[in-house]
């Protein structure tokens, strides 16, 4: 069993009165799980959802986004690459 982590950075700029940075898996196939062909990992990818919120305009705010994938000692793994296309959204409710 082992946990694997990866991180990436984002530079957030918003002139809105508030902002929310979120990450989602829009796929209808094994949503929230990394996949390798038709095979998916049994444990979900962690780090999806709301990453950070702001209550005022923001300019050049660096944000680190961290993902974690847990692999169980008895989880079956296939050779090849596990991946997933994620959608990052910066949204506001106060224009």
Protein backbone atom coordinates (compact mmCIF):
# COMPACT_ATOMS: atom_id res chain seq x y z
CA UNK A 1 0.00 0.00 0.00
CA UNK A 2 1.22 3.47 -0.84
CA UNK A 3 -0.04 7.03 -1.38
CA UNK A 4 1.20 8.91 -4.43
CA UNK A 5 1.01 12.70 -4.62
CA UNK A 6 1.41 15.24 -7.38
CA UNK A 7 1.01 18.98 -7.33
CA UNK A 8 0.67 21.80 -9.79
CA UNK A 9 0.46 25.56 -9.54
CA UNK A 10 -2.08 28.09 -10.73
CA UNK A 11 -1.88 31.86 -10.91
CA UNK A 12 -5.29 33.30 -10.06
CA UNK A 13 -6.52 36.65 -11.38
CA UNK A 14 -10.11 37.79 -10.89
CA UNK A 15 -11.76 41.22 -10.82
CA UNK A 16 -14.98 39.77 -9.41
CA UNK A 17 -16.25 40.46 -5.90
CA UNK A 18 -15.61 36.84 -4.95
CA UNK A 19 -14.10 33.79 -6.62
CA UNK A 20 -13.93 30.03 -6.24
CA UNK A 21 -11.30 27.81 -7.84
CA UNK A 22 -12.46 24.23 -8.27
CA UNK A 23 -11.36 21.08 -10.07
CA UNK A 24 -13.71 18.41 -11.40
CA UNK A 25 -13.74 15.19 -13.39
CA UNK A 26 -16.46 15.70 -16.04
CA UNK A 27 -16.08 12.17 -17.44
CA UNK A 28 -19.02 9.79 -17.31
CA UNK A 29 -16.57 6.88 -17.17
CA UNK A 30 -15.24 6.03 -13.68
CA UNK A 31 -15.85 9.58 -12.51
CA UNK A 32 -13.27 10.62 -9.92
CA UNK A 33 -10.99 7.64 -10.63
CA UNK A 34 -7.83 7.38 -12.72
CA UNK A 35 -8.24 5.05 -15.69
CA UNK A 36 -6.05 2.90 -17.90
CA UNK A 37 -8.08 1.93 -20.95
CA UNK A 38 -11.27 0.34 -19.61
CA UNK A 39 -9.72 -0.38 -16.20
CA UNK A 40 -10.06 2.09 -13.29
CA UNK A 41 -8.38 2.25 -9.92
CA UNK A 42 -10.67 1.24 -7.04
CA UNK A 43 -9.84 4.23 -4.84
CA UNK A 44 -10.80 7.75 -5.98
CA UNK A 45 -8.37 10.51 -6.85
CA UNK A 46 -8.24 12.96 -3.95
CA UNK A 47 -7.95 16.70 -4.50
CA UNK A 48 -11.11 17.22 -6.57
CA UNK A 49 -13.65 19.85 -5.49
CA UNK A 50 -13.13 23.36 -4.18
CA UNK A 51 -9.45 24.25 -4.04
CA UNK A 52 -9.70 27.78 -2.64
CA UNK A 53 -12.07 30.75 -2.34
CA UNK A 54 -11.57 34.52 -2.27
CA UNK A 55 -13.94 37.21 -0.95
CA UNK A 56 -12.45 40.11 -2.92
CA UNK A 57 -10.74 40.71 -6.27
CA UNK A 58 -7.41 38.93 -6.57
CA UNK A 59 -4.36 39.53 -8.73
CA UNK A 60 -1.50 37.10 -9.32
CA UNK A 61 -2.24 34.89 -6.31
CA UNK A 62 -0.20 31.68 -6.56
CA UNK A 63 -2.13 28.55 -5.59
CA UNK A 64 -0.74 25.03 -5.22
CA UNK A 65 -3.16 22.25 -6.16
CA UNK A 66 -2.31 18.84 -4.72
CA UNK A 67 -3.65 15.48 -5.80
CA UNK A 68 -3.29 12.17 -3.95
CA UNK A 69 -3.88 8.65 -5.21
CA UNK A 70 -3.97 5.81 -2.72
CA UNK A 71 -3.11 2.32 -3.92
CA UNK A 72 -4.06 -0.60 -1.66
CA UNK A 73 -1.71 -3.51 -1.05
CA UNK A 74 -4.11 -5.86 -2.87
CA UNK A 75 -5.29 -3.48 -5.62
CA UNK A 76 -4.86 -4.97 -9.09
CA UNK A 77 -2.73 -2.79 -11.37
CA UNK A 78 -2.38 -2.98 -15.13
CA UNK A 79 0.72 -2.03 -17.06
CA UNK A 80 0.47 1.28 -18.86
CA UNK A 81 -0.52 4.80 -17.96
CA UNK A 82 -3.31 5.86 -15.65
CA UNK A 83 -4.77 9.27 -16.42
CA UNK A 84 -7.85 11.48 -16.39
CA UNK A 85 -8.70 14.82 -18.00
CA UNK A 86 -9.73 17.30 -15.31
CA UNK A 87 -11.59 20.61 -15.63
CA UNK A 88 -10.43 23.65 -13.64
CA UNK A 89 -12.97 26.42 -13.10
CA UNK A 90 -12.63 29.90 -11.62
CA UNK A 91 -16.18 31.06 -10.92
CA UNK A 92 -17.99 33.87 -9.13
CA UNK A 93 -21.44 34.61 -7.80
CA UNK A 94 -20.77 38.35 -7.42
CA UNK A 95 -20.01 40.10 -10.73
